[in-house]
Amino acid sequence: MNEKTKAAVIAGVALGVLAIVTGLASAAVSGASCCSCLWPIGAGIFAVYLYTQKSTGPLQVSDGAMLGLIAGVVGGLIYLVIGIPLVYVVSRAALEAQMDQLRQSGINMPVTGFLLFLLSGIMSLVVYTALAAIGGLIGAAIFGKNRPGAVPPPPPADFGGTPNNPPYGTTPNQPYGGGGTGFGTGN
């Protein structure tokens, strides 16, 4: 496994574990999951950070996005396979009570509680992937600068004017401001 994949998988596992812990905490404490969308962004940034610690080459923006994308997929799959069943087991009684209240008020839901959890897990996978890719872009902007292999491009050859046509106002008798045709008093 190369360094890029290894960094993304480690960040993805961290994302999956944090998502599971947040899901379990939200079953016990109301409002605990309100910041769970920050985990994938942080995982994307963390993946780029881990990669830059092991790599000495230049880091492209596309590398950051790919690191975040892989971390989001890994974390989303871990949450879908492990977290959704765990959260369902912990909060099944409360969900069934809410489904009964809906039925009593005349609203029939065609899906079961576990199917709702499964659908939310699939949506989480998609959202985690997108947000982690954004986090990878942010991480590339933060950690990609001033790297040993990153050399800025040289300035253009005609930077500041050409030898036959110097920039305006640089010759001794050429006034600034358009020679009296622009703003000011002019000469």
N, C-alpha and C. Protein backbone atom coordinates (compact mmCIF):
# COMPACT_ATOMS: atom_id res chain seq x y z
N MET A 1 0.86 -1.18 0.00
CA MET A 1 0.00 0.00 0.00
C MET A 1 0.90 1.23 0.00
N ASN A 2 0.63 2.15 -0.93
CA ASN A 2 1.47 3.34 -1.01
C ASN A 2 1.10 4.33 0.10
N GLU A 3 1.92 5.36 0.24
CA GLU A 3 1.74 6.32 1.34
C GLU A 3 0.42 7.08 1.22
N LYS A 4 0.01 7.38 0.01
CA LYS A 4 -1.23 8.14 -0.19
C LYS A 4 -2.43 7.32 0.29
N THR A 5 -2.48 6.06 -0.11
CA THR A 5 -3.60 5.20 0.29
C THR A 5 -3.57 4.94 1.79
N LYS A 6 -2.37 4.74 2.32
CA LYS A 6 -2.26 4.46 3.76
C LYS A 6 -2.76 5.65 4.59
N ALA A 7 -2.38 6.84 4.22
CA ALA A 7 -2.82 8.04 4.94
C ALA A 7 -4.33 8.21 4.85
N ALA A 8 -4.89 7.96 3.68
CA ALA A 8 -6.34 8.10 3.50
C ALA A 8 -7.11 7.05 4.28
N VAL A 9 -6.60 5.83 4.32
CA VAL A 9 -7.29 4.77 5.06
C VAL A 9 -7.24 5.03 6.56
N ILE A 10 -6.11 5.49 7.06
CA ILE A 10 -6.00 5.80 8.49
C ILE A 10 -6.99 6.91 8.86
N ALA A 11 -7.05 7.96 8.04
CA ALA A 11 -8.00 9.05 8.30
C ALA A 11 -9.44 8.56 8.16
N GLY A 12 -9.70 7.66 7.22
CA GLY A 12 -11.04 7.11 7.04
C GLY A 12 -11.47 6.26 8.23
N VAL A 13 -10.55 5.47 8.77
CA VAL A 13 -10.87 4.67 9.97
C VAL A 13 -11.17 5.60 11.14
N ALA A 14 -10.39 6.66 11.28
CA ALA A 14 -10.66 7.63 12.34
C ALA A 14 -12.04 8.26 12.15
N LEU A 15 -12.39 8.59 10.91
CA LEU A 15 -13.71 9.15 10.61
C LEU A 15 -14.81 8.16 10.97
N GLY A 16 -14.63 6.90 10.60
CA GLY A 16 -15.64 5.88 10.91
C GLY A 16 -15.85 5.72 12.40
N VAL A 17 -14.76 5.69 13.15
CA VAL A 17 -14.86 5.54 14.61
C VAL A 17 -15.55 6.76 15.22
N LEU A 18 -15.17 7.95 14.79
CA LEU A 18 -15.81 9.15 15.32
C LEU A 18 -17.29 9.21 14.95
N ALA A 19 -17.64 8.77 13.76
CA ALA A 19 -19.04 8.76 13.35
C ALA A 19 -19.84 7.77 14.20
N ILE A 20 -19.26 6.62 14.49
CA ILE A 20 -19.95 5.64 15.34
C ILE A 20 -20.13 6.18 16.74
N VAL A 21 -19.08 6.77 17.30
CA VAL A 21 -19.18 7.32 18.65
C VAL A 21 -20.22 8.45 18.69
N THR A 22 -20.23 9.29 17.67
CA THR A 22 -21.21 10.37 17.61
C THR A 22 -22.62 9.82 17.48
N GLY A 23 -22.79 8.78 16.66
CA GLY A 23 -24.10 8.16 16.51
C GLY A 23 -24.60 7.53 17.79
N LEU A 24 -23.72 6.86 18.51
CA LEU A 24 -24.10 6.26 19.79
C LEU A 24 -24.39 7.33 20.83
N ALA A 25 -23.60 8.40 20.82
CA ALA A 25 -23.83 9.48 21.78
C ALA A 25 -25.14 10.20 21.49
N SER A 26 -25.50 10.32 20.22
CA SER A 26 -26.75 11.02 19.89
C SER A 26 -27.96 10.19 20.28
N ALA A 27 -27.79 8.87 20.41
CA ALA A 27 -28.89 8.03 20.89
C ALA A 27 -29.14 8.28 22.37
N ALA A 28 -28.11 8.67 23.11
CA ALA A 28 -28.24 8.89 24.55
C ALA A 28 -28.46 10.36 24.89
N VAL A 29 -27.82 11.25 24.15
CA VAL A 29 -27.88 12.68 24.45
C VAL A 29 -28.47 13.41 23.25
N SER A 30 -29.53 14.12 23.46
CA SER A 30 -30.16 14.85 22.38
C SER A 30 -29.24 15.97 21.89
N GLY A 31 -29.08 16.07 20.58
CA GLY A 31 -28.27 17.13 20.01
C GLY A 31 -26.79 16.82 19.93
N ALA A 32 -26.38 15.59 20.27
CA ALA A 32 -24.95 15.27 20.24
C ALA A 32 -24.40 15.16 18.82
N SER A 33 -25.28 14.95 17.86
CA SER A 33 -24.80 14.76 16.49
C SER A 33 -24.84 16.02 15.65
N CYS A 34 -25.05 17.16 16.26
CA CYS A 34 -25.20 18.39 15.46
C CYS A 34 -23.89 18.80 14.80
N CYS A 35 -22.76 18.35 15.27
CA CYS A 35 -21.48 18.71 14.65
C CYS A 35 -20.85 17.54 13.90
N SER A 36 -21.64 16.50 13.61
CA SER A 36 -21.06 15.32 12.98
C SER A 36 -20.61 15.57 11.54
N CYS A 37 -21.04 16.64 10.93
CA CYS A 37 -20.58 16.94 9.57
C CYS A 37 -19.17 17.54 9.57
N LEU A 38 -18.68 17.91 10.73
CA LEU A 38 -17.30 18.41 10.80
C LEU A 38 -16.29 17.27 10.76
N TRP A 39 -16.70 16.07 11.17
CA TRP A 39 -15.76 14.94 11.19
C TRP A 39 -15.21 14.63 9.80
N PRO A 40 -16.05 14.55 8.75
CA PRO A 40 -15.46 14.24 7.45
C PRO A 40 -14.52 15.34 6.92
N ILE A 41 -14.84 16.58 7.18
CA ILE A 41 -13.94 17.66 6.76
C ILE A 41 -12.61 17.51 7.48
N GLY A 42 -12.68 17.24 8.77
CA GLY A 42 -11.46 17.02 9.54
C GLY A 42 -10.70 15.79 9.07
N ALA A 43 -11.41 14.75 8.65
CA ALA A 43 -10.74 13.54 8.15
C ALA A 43 -10.00 13.83 6.85
N GLY A 44 -10.59 14.65 5.98
CA GLY A 44 -9.90 15.02 4.75
C GLY A 44 -8.64 15.81 5.03
N ILE A 45 -8.73 16.74 5.95
CA ILE A 45 -7.55 17.52 6.34
C ILE A 45 -6.51 16.62 6.98
N PHE A 46 -6.96 15.71 7.85
CA PHE A 46 -6.06 14.78 8.54
C PHE A 46 -5.35 13.85 7.55
N ALA A 47 -6.06 13.40 6.52
CA ALA A 47 -5.44 12.54 5.51
C ALA A 47 -4.31 13.27 4.79
N VAL A 48 -4.54 14.52 4.44
CA VAL A 48 -3.50 15.30 3.77
C VAL A 48 -2.33 15.53 4.72
N TYR A 49 -2.62 15.82 5.98
CA TYR A 49 -1.56 16.02 6.97
C TYR A 49 -0.70 14.76 7.10
N LEU A 50 -1.34 13.59 7.23
CA LEU A 50 -0.58 12.34 7.35
C LEU A 50 0.28 12.10 6.11
N TYR A 51 -0.27 12.39 4.95
CA TYR A 51 0.48 12.18 3.71
C TYR A 51 1.68 13.12 3.64
N THR A 52 1.51 14.37 4.03
CA THR A 52 2.62 15.32 3.94
C THR A 52 3.71 15.01 4.96
N GLN A 53 3.39 14.30 6.02
CA GLN A 53 4.42 13.93 6.99
C GLN A 53 5.35 12.85 6.45
N LYS A 54 4.85 12.01 5.54
CA LYS A 54 5.66 10.91 5.00
C LYS A 54 6.22 11.21 3.61
N SER A 55 5.62 12.13 2.89
CA SER A 55 6.02 12.42 1.52
C SER A 55 6.85 13.70 1.47
N THR A 56 7.81 13.72 0.54
CA THR A 56 8.62 14.92 0.38
C THR A 56 8.36 15.60 -0.95
N GLY A 57 7.60 14.96 -1.82
CA GLY A 57 7.33 15.53 -3.14
C GLY A 57 6.28 16.62 -3.08
N PRO A 58 6.05 17.25 -4.23
CA PRO A 58 5.04 18.31 -4.27
C PRO A 58 3.64 17.73 -4.10
N LEU A 59 2.76 18.51 -3.56
CA LEU A 59 1.39 18.10 -3.32
C LEU A 59 0.47 18.92 -4.21
N GLN A 60 -0.24 18.26 -5.08
CA GLN A 60 -1.19 18.92 -5.97
C GLN A 60 -2.54 19.03 -5.27
N VAL A 61 -3.36 19.95 -5.71
CA VAL A 61 -4.71 20.10 -5.16
C VAL A 61 -5.52 18.84 -5.41
N SER A 62 -5.33 18.23 -6.57
CA SER A 62 -6.05 17.00 -6.89
C SER A 62 -5.65 15.86 -5.95
N ASP A 63 -4.40 15.86 -5.48
CA ASP A 63 -3.98 14.86 -4.50
C ASP A 63 -4.75 15.02 -3.19
N GLY A 64 -4.93 16.25 -2.76
CA GLY A 64 -5.70 16.51 -1.55
C GLY A 64 -7.13 16.06 -1.68
N ALA A 65 -7.74 16.35 -2.82
CA ALA A 65 -9.12 15.93 -3.05
C ALA A 65 -9.24 14.42 -3.06
N MET A 66 -8.28 13.74 -3.68
CA MET A 66 -8.32 12.28 -3.74
C MET A 66 -8.10 11.67 -2.36
N LEU A 67 -7.20 12.22 -1.59
CA LEU A 67 -6.99 11.73 -0.22
C LEU A 67 -8.27 11.87 0.60
N GLY A 68 -8.91 13.02 0.51
CA GLY A 68 -10.16 13.23 1.23
C GLY A 68 -11.27 12.32 0.74
N LEU A 69 -11.34 12.11 -0.57
CA LEU A 69 -12.36 11.24 -1.14
C LEU A 69 -12.22 9.82 -0.63
N ILE A 70 -11.01 9.30 -0.63
CA ILE A 70 -10.78 7.94 -0.13
C ILE A 70 -11.10 7.85 1.36
N ALA A 71 -10.68 8.85 2.12
CA ALA A 71 -10.97 8.85 3.55
C ALA A 71 -12.49 8.88 3.80
N GLY A 72 -13.21 9.66 3.02
CA GLY A 72 -14.67 9.73 3.17
C GLY A 72 -15.35 8.42 2.84
N VAL A 73 -14.90 7.75 1.78
CA VAL A 73 -15.49 6.45 1.42
C VAL A 73 -15.21 5.42 2.50
N VAL A 74 -13.97 5.36 2.98
CA VAL A 74 -13.62 4.38 4.02
C VAL A 74 -14.42 4.66 5.30
N GLY A 75 -14.45 5.91 5.73
CA GLY A 75 -15.21 6.25 6.94
C GLY A 75 -16.69 6.01 6.79
N GLY A 76 -17.25 6.35 5.62
CA GLY A 76 -18.67 6.13 5.38
C GLY A 76 -19.02 4.65 5.36
N LEU A 77 -18.16 3.83 4.76
CA LEU A 77 -18.42 2.39 4.75
C LEU A 77 -18.33 1.78 6.14
N ILE A 78 -17.37 2.24 6.93
CA ILE A 78 -17.27 1.74 8.31
C ILE A 78 -18.52 2.10 9.09
N TYR A 79 -18.99 3.33 8.93
CA TYR A 79 -20.21 3.75 9.63
C TYR A 79 -21.42 2.97 9.13
N LEU A 80 -21.49 2.72 7.83
CA LEU A 80 -22.63 2.00 7.26
C LEU A 80 -22.65 0.55 7.73
N VAL A 81 -21.50 -0.11 7.76
CA VAL A 81 -21.45 -1.53 8.09
C VAL A 81 -21.47 -1.78 9.60
N ILE A 82 -20.78 -0.96 10.38
CA ILE A 82 -20.68 -1.19 11.82
C ILE A 82 -21.56 -0.24 12.61
N GLY A 83 -21.54 1.03 12.27
CA GLY A 83 -22.22 2.04 13.07
C GLY A 83 -23.73 1.98 12.99
N ILE A 84 -24.28 1.80 11.79
CA ILE A 84 -25.73 1.79 11.64
C ILE A 84 -26.37 0.66 12.44
N PRO A 85 -25.88 -0.58 12.36
CA PRO A 85 -26.49 -1.63 13.20
C PRO A 85 -26.34 -1.35 14.70
N LEU A 86 -25.19 -0.81 15.12
CA LEU A 86 -25.01 -0.51 16.54
C LEU A 86 -25.97 0.58 17.01
N VAL A 87 -26.08 1.63 16.24
CA VAL A 87 -26.96 2.73 16.61
C VAL A 87 -28.42 2.26 16.59
N TYR A 88 -28.75 1.38 15.65
CA TYR A 88 -30.12 0.87 15.61
C TYR A 88 -30.43 0.04 16.85
N VAL A 89 -29.50 -0.79 17.28
CA VAL A 89 -29.73 -1.61 18.47
C VAL A 89 -29.91 -0.73 19.69
N VAL A 90 -29.10 0.31 19.80
CA VAL A 90 -29.16 1.19 20.97
C VAL A 90 -30.45 2.02 20.98
N SER A 91 -30.88 2.50 19.82
CA SER A 91 -32.02 3.41 19.79
C SER A 91 -33.29 2.80 19.18
N ARG A 92 -33.35 1.49 19.11
CA ARG A 92 -34.50 0.83 18.49
C ARG A 92 -35.79 1.11 19.24
N ALA A 93 -35.77 1.06 20.55
CA ALA A 93 -37.00 1.26 21.34
C ALA A 93 -37.56 2.67 21.13
N ALA A 94 -36.71 3.66 21.14
CA ALA A 94 -37.18 5.03 20.93
C ALA A 94 -37.72 5.21 19.51
N LEU A 95 -37.06 4.60 18.52
CA LEU A 95 -37.53 4.71 17.15
C LEU A 95 -38.89 4.03 16.98
N GLU A 96 -39.05 2.86 17.56
CA GLU A 96 -40.33 2.15 17.44
C GLU A 96 -41.45 2.93 18.13
N ALA A 97 -41.15 3.59 19.23
CA ALA A 97 -42.16 4.41 19.91
C ALA A 97 -42.57 5.59 19.02
N GLN A 98 -41.62 6.18 18.34
CA GLN A 98 -41.95 7.28 17.43
C GLN A 98 -42.75 6.78 16.23
N MET A 99 -42.42 5.60 15.73
CA MET A 99 -43.18 5.03 14.61
C MET A 99 -44.63 4.73 15.05
N ASP A 100 -44.81 4.24 16.29
CA ASP A 100 -46.16 3.99 16.80
C ASP A 100 -46.95 5.29 16.93
N GLN A 101 -46.31 6.34 17.37
CA GLN A 101 -46.99 7.64 17.47
C GLN A 101 -47.44 8.12 16.09
N LEU A 102 -46.61 7.92 15.09
CA LEU A 102 -46.98 8.31 13.73
C LEU A 102 -48.18 7.50 13.24
N ARG A 103 -48.18 6.19 13.51
CA ARG A 103 -49.30 5.34 13.10
C ARG A 103 -50.59 5.75 13.81
N GLN A 104 -50.49 6.08 15.09
CA GLN A 104 -51.68 6.47 15.85
C GLN A 104 -52.25 7.80 15.36
N SER A 105 -51.40 8.66 14.84
CA SER A 105 -51.89 9.94 14.35
C SER A 105 -52.35 9.85 12.88
N GLY A 106 -52.34 8.65 12.33
CA GLY A 106 -52.86 8.45 10.99
C GLY A 106 -51.82 8.48 9.89
N ILE A 107 -50.56 8.54 10.21
CA ILE A 107 -49.49 8.55 9.20
C ILE A 107 -48.89 7.16 9.13
N ASN A 108 -49.08 6.51 8.00
CA ASN A 108 -48.51 5.18 7.82
C ASN A 108 -47.20 5.28 7.07
N MET A 109 -46.15 4.79 7.69
CA MET A 109 -44.83 4.77 7.06
C MET A 109 -44.66 3.43 6.36
N PRO A 110 -44.34 3.42 5.08
CA PRO A 110 -44.20 2.16 4.36
C PRO A 110 -42.88 1.44 4.65
N VAL A 111 -42.00 2.04 5.42
CA VAL A 111 -40.70 1.43 5.71
C VAL A 111 -40.58 1.14 7.20
N THR A 112 -39.70 0.23 7.51
CA THR A 112 -39.44 -0.11 8.91
C THR A 112 -38.36 0.79 9.46
N GLY A 113 -38.15 0.67 10.77
CA GLY A 113 -37.13 1.49 11.42
C GLY A 113 -35.73 1.20 10.93
N PHE A 114 -35.41 -0.10 10.72
CA PHE A 114 -34.06 -0.43 10.27
C PHE A 114 -33.83 0.07 8.85
N LEU A 115 -34.85 0.02 8.01
CA LEU A 115 -34.69 0.53 6.65
C LEU A 115 -34.42 2.03 6.66
N LEU A 116 -35.05 2.75 7.57
CA LEU A 116 -34.75 4.19 7.72
C LEU A 116 -33.29 4.40 8.12
N PHE A 117 -32.82 3.58 9.05
CA PHE A 117 -31.42 3.69 9.46
C PHE A 117 -30.49 3.35 8.31
N LEU A 118 -30.83 2.34 7.54
CA LEU A 118 -30.00 1.95 6.41
C LEU A 118 -29.95 3.06 5.35
N LEU A 119 -31.08 3.66 5.06
CA LEU A 119 -31.11 4.78 4.12
C LEU A 119 -30.30 5.97 4.63
N SER A 120 -30.40 6.24 5.93
CA SER A 120 -29.60 7.33 6.48
C SER A 120 -28.11 7.00 6.43
N GLY A 121 -27.76 5.74 6.57
CA GLY A 121 -26.35 5.35 6.45
C GLY A 121 -25.83 5.53 5.03
N ILE A 122 -26.66 5.23 4.03
CA ILE A 122 -26.25 5.41 2.64
C ILE A 122 -26.10 6.90 2.33
N MET A 123 -27.03 7.70 2.84
CA MET A 123 -26.90 9.15 2.65
C MET A 123 -25.66 9.68 3.37
N SER A 124 -25.37 9.14 4.54
CA SER A 124 -24.16 9.55 5.26
C SER A 124 -22.91 9.22 4.46
N LEU A 125 -22.89 8.07 3.81
CA LEU A 125 -21.75 7.69 2.98
C LEU A 125 -21.52 8.72 1.88
N VAL A 126 -22.58 9.15 1.22
CA VAL A 126 -22.45 10.13 0.14
C VAL A 126 -21.99 11.49 0.69
N VAL A 127 -22.61 11.91 1.79
CA VAL A 127 -22.27 13.21 2.38
C VAL A 127 -20.85 13.19 2.94
N TYR A 128 -20.47 12.11 3.61
CA TYR A 128 -19.12 12.01 4.16
C TYR A 128 -18.08 12.06 3.05
N THR A 129 -18.36 11.40 1.93
CA THR A 129 -17.41 11.40 0.81
C THR A 129 -17.23 12.81 0.25
N ALA A 130 -18.33 13.52 0.06
CA ALA A 130 -18.23 14.87 -0.49
C ALA A 130 -17.53 15.82 0.48
N LEU A 131 -17.91 15.76 1.76
CA LEU A 131 -17.30 16.67 2.73
C LEU A 131 -15.83 16.35 2.98
N ALA A 132 -15.47 15.07 2.96
CA ALA A 132 -14.06 14.71 3.14
C ALA A 132 -13.22 15.17 1.95
N ALA A 133 -13.79 15.13 0.75
CA ALA A 133 -13.06 15.65 -0.42
C ALA A 133 -12.83 17.15 -0.27
N ILE A 134 -13.83 17.86 0.23
CA ILE A 134 -13.66 19.29 0.50
C ILE A 134 -12.59 19.49 1.57
N GLY A 135 -12.60 18.65 2.60
CA GLY A 135 -11.56 18.72 3.62
C GLY A 135 -10.18 18.45 3.05
N GLY A 136 -10.09 17.53 2.07
CA GLY A 136 -8.81 17.28 1.41
C GLY A 136 -8.32 18.49 0.63
N LEU A 137 -9.25 19.20 0.00
CA LEU A 137 -8.87 20.44 -0.70
C LEU A 137 -8.37 21.49 0.29
N ILE A 138 -9.04 21.59 1.41
CA ILE A 138 -8.60 22.54 2.45
C ILE A 138 -7.23 22.13 2.98
N GLY A 139 -7.05 20.84 3.22
CA GLY A 139 -5.76 20.34 3.70
C GLY A 139 -4.64 20.59 2.71
N ALA A 140 -4.93 20.44 1.42
CA ALA A 140 -3.91 20.71 0.40
C ALA A 140 -3.53 22.18 0.39
N ALA A 141 -4.52 23.05 0.64
CA ALA A 141 -4.21 24.48 0.70
C ALA A 141 -3.39 24.82 1.93
N ILE A 142 -3.64 24.10 3.03
CA ILE A 142 -2.91 24.39 4.28
C ILE A 142 -1.52 23.77 4.26
N PHE A 143 -1.44 22.47 3.97
CA PHE A 143 -0.18 21.74 4.11
C PHE A 143 0.62 21.63 2.83
N GLY A 144 0.07 22.04 1.69
CA GLY A 144 0.78 21.92 0.43
C GLY A 144 1.74 23.04 0.16
N LYS A 145 1.65 24.12 0.91
CA LYS A 145 2.53 25.27 0.69
C LYS A 145 3.88 25.03 1.36
N ASN A 146 4.90 25.64 0.79
CA ASN A 146 6.25 25.64 1.36
C ASN A 146 6.79 24.23 1.59
N ARG A 147 6.44 23.31 0.72
CA ARG A 147 6.99 21.95 0.81
C ARG A 147 8.33 21.94 0.09
N PRO A 148 9.23 21.03 0.47
CA PRO A 148 10.55 21.00 -0.16
C PRO A 148 10.49 20.82 -1.67
N GLY A 149 9.56 20.05 -2.20
CA GLY A 149 9.50 19.82 -3.64
C GLY A 149 8.67 20.84 -4.38
N ALA A 150 8.00 21.70 -3.65
CA ALA A 150 7.11 22.68 -4.29
C ALA A 150 7.92 23.91 -4.70
N VAL A 151 8.09 24.09 -6.00
CA VAL A 151 8.83 25.23 -6.52
C VAL A 151 7.83 26.12 -7.24
N PRO A 152 7.78 27.39 -6.87
CA PRO A 152 6.83 28.27 -7.56
C PRO A 152 7.25 28.47 -9.01
N PRO A 153 6.31 28.70 -9.88
CA PRO A 153 6.68 28.91 -11.28
C PRO A 153 7.41 30.24 -11.44
N PRO A 154 8.29 30.34 -12.44
CA PRO A 154 9.00 31.60 -12.65
C PRO A 154 8.03 32.65 -13.19
N PRO A 155 8.38 33.93 -13.01
CA PRO A 155 7.52 34.97 -13.57
C PRO A 155 7.60 34.95 -15.10
N PRO A 156 6.60 35.49 -15.76
CA PRO A 156 6.64 35.52 -17.23
C PRO A 156 7.84 36.32 -17.73
N ALA A 157 8.27 36.01 -18.95
CA ALA A 157 9.45 36.66 -19.52
C ALA A 157 9.24 38.16 -19.71
N ASP A 158 8.02 38.60 -19.99
CA ASP A 158 7.80 40.02 -20.21
C ASP A 158 7.18 40.69 -18.98
N PHE A 159 7.52 40.20 -17.82
CA PHE A 159 6.98 40.76 -16.59
C PHE A 159 7.45 42.20 -16.43
N GLY A 160 6.54 43.14 -16.38
CA GLY A 160 6.89 44.54 -16.22
C GLY A 160 7.09 45.26 -17.53
N GLY A 161 6.84 44.62 -18.64
CA GLY A 161 6.98 45.28 -19.94
C GLY A 161 8.03 44.60 -20.78
N THR A 162 8.05 44.93 -22.03
CA THR A 162 9.05 44.38 -22.94
C THR A 162 10.20 45.38 -23.08
N PRO A 163 11.36 44.95 -23.54
CA PRO A 163 12.49 45.89 -23.65
C PRO A 163 12.20 47.03 -24.63
N ASN A 164 11.44 46.81 -25.67
CA ASN A 164 11.14 47.88 -26.63
C ASN A 164 10.00 48.78 -26.15
N ASN A 165 9.20 48.30 -25.22
CA ASN A 165 8.05 49.07 -24.75
C ASN A 165 7.99 48.95 -23.21
N PRO A 166 8.77 49.78 -22.49
CA PRO A 166 8.80 49.65 -21.03
C PRO A 166 7.46 50.06 -20.42
N PRO A 167 7.20 49.66 -19.20
CA PRO A 167 5.94 50.04 -18.54
C PRO A 167 5.79 51.55 -18.48
N TYR A 168 4.58 52.03 -18.49
CA TYR A 168 4.28 53.45 -18.54
C TYR A 168 4.82 54.15 -17.31
N GLY A 169 5.47 55.24 -17.49
CA GLY A 169 5.99 56.04 -16.38
C GLY A 169 7.39 55.68 -15.95
N THR A 170 8.06 54.78 -16.69
CA THR A 170 9.40 54.39 -16.27
C THR A 170 10.51 55.07 -17.07
N THR A 171 10.18 55.73 -18.16
CA THR A 171 11.22 56.46 -18.90
C THR A 171 11.36 57.85 -18.28
N PRO A 172 12.52 58.48 -18.41
CA PRO A 172 12.75 59.75 -17.70
C PRO A 172 11.78 60.87 -18.05
N ASN A 173 11.37 61.04 -19.29
CA ASN A 173 10.53 62.17 -19.66
C ASN A 173 9.05 61.80 -19.78
N GLN A 174 8.69 60.60 -19.39
CA GLN A 174 7.31 60.17 -19.51
C GLN A 174 6.60 60.38 -18.17
N PRO A 175 5.59 61.26 -18.13
CA PRO A 175 4.92 61.52 -16.85
C PRO A 175 3.97 60.39 -16.47
N TYR A 176 3.72 60.31 -15.19
CA TYR A 176 2.73 59.35 -14.71
C TYR A 176 1.34 59.91 -14.96
N GLY A 177 0.35 59.06 -15.07
CA GLY A 177 -1.03 59.51 -15.17
C GLY A 177 -1.47 59.83 -16.58
N GLY A 178 -0.79 59.37 -17.60
CA GLY A 178 -1.27 59.52 -18.97
C GLY A 178 -0.85 60.79 -19.66
N GLY A 179 0.07 61.56 -19.13
CA GLY A 179 0.59 62.73 -19.82
C GLY A 179 -0.42 63.85 -19.99
N GLY A 180 -1.25 64.08 -19.00
CA GLY A 180 -2.18 65.20 -19.06
C GLY A 180 -3.54 64.83 -19.62
N THR A 181 -3.71 63.58 -20.08
CA THR A 181 -5.00 63.20 -20.63
C THR A 181 -5.88 62.49 -19.60
N GLY A 182 -5.33 62.20 -18.45
CA GLY A 182 -6.10 61.47 -17.45
C GLY A 182 -6.50 62.35 -16.29
N PHE A 183 -6.50 61.83 -15.13
CA PHE A 183 -6.88 62.59 -13.95
C PHE A 183 -5.76 63.53 -13.52
N GLY A 184 -6.11 64.54 -12.78
CA GLY A 184 -5.12 65.46 -12.26
C GLY A 184 -4.84 66.60 -13.24
N THR A 185 -3.84 67.39 -12.91
CA THR A 185 -3.52 68.54 -13.73
C THR A 185 -2.79 68.18 -15.01
N GLY A 186 -1.91 67.22 -14.94
CA GLY A 186 -1.18 66.78 -16.13
C GLY A 186 -0.21 67.83 -16.62
N ASN A 187 0.73 67.44 -17.43
CA ASN A 187 1.72 68.36 -18.00
C ASN A 187 1.71 68.30 -19.49
